C-alpha atoms as a PDB file:
ATOM      1  CA  UNK A   1    -203.929 -70.029-167.985  1.00  0.00           C
ATOM      2  CA  UNK A   2    -202.137 -66.866-166.908  1.00  0.00           C
ATOM      3  CA  UNK A   3    -203.199 -65.102-170.121  1.00  0.00           C
ATOM      4  CA  UNK A   4    -206.831 -66.045-169.572  1.00  0.00           C
ATOM      5  CA  UNK A   5    -206.768 -64.743-165.990  1.00  0.00           C
ATOM      6  CA  UNK A   6    -205.144 -61.487-167.093  1.00  0.00           C
ATOM      7  CA  UNK A   7    -207.603 -60.876-169.942  1.00  0.00           C
ATOM      8  CA  UNK A   8    -210.583 -61.701-167.735  1.00  0.00           C
ATOM      9  CA  UNK A   9    -209.176 -59.487-164.963  1.00  0.00           C
ATOM     10  CA  UNK A  10    -208.742 -56.502-167.273  1.00  0.00           C
ATOM     11  CA  UNK A  11    -212.206 -56.959-168.752  1.00  0.00           C
ATOM     12  CA  UNK A  12    -213.795 -57.146-165.307  1.00  0.00           C
ATOM     13  CA  UNK A  13    -211.965 -53.988-164.220  1.00  0.00           C
ATOM     14  CA  UNK A  14    -213.100 -52.102-167.328  1.00  0.00           C
ATOM     15  CA  UNK A  15    -216.716 -53.280-167.194  1.00  0.00           C
ATOM     16  CA  UNK A  16    -216.865 -52.830-163.441  1.00  0.00           C
ATOM     17  CA  UNK A  17    -215.513 -49.329-163.774  1.00  0.00           C
ATOM     18  CA  UNK A  18    -218.121 -48.473-166.374  1.00  0.00           C
ATOM     19  CA  UNK A  19    -220.929 -49.904-164.202  1.00  0.00           C
ATOM     20  CA  UNK A  20    -219.631 -47.993-161.200  1.00  0.00           C
ATOM     21  CA  UNK A  21    -219.468 -44.701-163.070  1.00  0.00           C
ATOM     22  CA  UNK A  22    -222.979 -45.188-164.441  1.00  0.00           C
ATOM     23  CA  UNK A  23    -224.244 -46.140-161.009  1.00  0.00           C
ATOM     24  CA  UNK A  24    -222.933 -42.917-159.459  1.00  0.00           C
ATOM     25  CA  UNK A  25    -224.406 -40.905-162.343  1.00  0.00           C
ATOM     26  CA  UNK A  26    -221.161 -39.816-164.050  1.00  0.00           C
ATOM     27  CA  UNK A  27    -221.726 -41.774-167.309  1.00  0.00           C
ATOM     28  CA  UNK A  28    -225.306 -41.101-168.436  1.00  0.00           C
ATOM     29  CA  UNK A  29    -227.298 -42.834-171.134  1.00  0.00           C
ATOM     30  CA  UNK A  30    -228.505 -46.179-169.870  1.00  0.00           C
ATOM     31  CA  UNK A  31    -230.970 -47.743-167.457  1.00  0.00           C
ATOM     32  CA  UNK A  32    -228.080 -48.137-164.989  1.00  0.00           C
ATOM     33  CA  UNK A  33    -227.506 -44.395-164.671  1.00  0.00           C
ATOM     34  CA  UNK A  34    -228.080 -43.161-161.131  1.00  0.00           C
ATOM     35  CA  UNK A  35    -228.843 -46.615-159.696  1.00  0.00           C
ATOM     36  CA  UNK A  36    -226.645 -47.332-156.661  1.00  0.00           C
ATOM     37  CA  UNK A  37    -227.030 -51.090-157.094  1.00  0.00           C
ATOM     38  CA  UNK A  38    -224.994 -50.824-160.318  1.00  0.00           C
ATOM     39  CA  UNK A  39    -222.340 -48.839-158.476  1.00  0.00           C
ATOM     40  CA  UNK A  40    -222.062 -51.639-155.946  1.00  0.00           C
ATOM     41  CA  UNK A  41    -222.034 -54.320-158.652  1.00  0.00           C
ATOM     42  CA  UNK A  42    -219.337 -52.397-160.540  1.00  0.00           C
ATOM     43  CA  UNK A  43    -217.143 -52.045-157.500  1.00  0.00           C
ATOM     44  CA  UNK A  44    -217.440 -55.767-156.796  1.00  0.00           C
ATOM     45  CA  UNK A  45    -216.648 -56.671-160.425  1.00  0.00           C
ATOM     46  CA  UNK A  46    -213.629 -54.368-160.464  1.00  0.00           C
ATOM     47  CA  UNK A  47    -212.362 -55.852-157.187  1.00  0.00           C
ATOM     48  CA  UNK A  48    -212.702 -59.395-158.566  1.00  0.00           C
ATOM     49  CA  UNK A  49    -210.852 -58.304-161.698  1.00  0.00           C
ATOM     50  CA  UNK A  50    -208.028 -56.816-159.629  1.00  0.00           C
ATOM     51  CA  UNK A  51    -207.830 -60.034-157.607  1.00  0.00           C
ATOM     52  CA  UNK A  52    -207.575 -62.101-160.806  1.00  0.00           C
ATOM     53  CA  UNK A  53    -204.756 -59.890-162.053  1.00  0.00           C
ATOM     54  CA  UNK A  54    -202.958 -60.218-158.725  1.00  0.00           C
ATOM     55  CA  UNK A  55    -203.356 -64.011-158.767  1.00  0.00           C
ATOM     56  CA  UNK A  56    -202.102 -64.239-162.350  1.00  0.00           C
ATOM     57  CA  UNK A  57    -198.932 -62.309-161.484  1.00  0.00           C
ATOM     58  CA  UNK A  58    -198.259 -64.292-158.313  1.00  0.00           C
ATOM     59  CA  UNK A  59    -198.786 -67.688-159.921  1.00  0.00           C
ATOM     60  CA  UNK A  60    -195.561 -69.421-161.002  1.00  0.00           C
ATOM     61  CA  UNK A  61    -195.129 -70.147-164.686  1.00  0.00           C
ATOM     62  CA  UNK A  62    -194.778 -73.596-166.268  1.00  0.00           C
ATOM     63  CA  UNK A  63    -191.590 -75.467-165.503  1.00  0.00           C
ATOM     64  CA  UNK A  64    -189.330 -76.027-168.485  1.00  0.00           C
END
């Protein structure tokens, strides 16, 4: 479960970062470029990804 949370967290941070940069017009080349709604969506996605990473590191492992 920890691996799934970490992979999902990293993917959300990467995708959210890309959406944010396109939304603030730094990464051109798509319909998202220059649209502030995508900047907001990207920031939210990246924040959720960071929260998932934090949760995965704070969660105790399986007992052996």
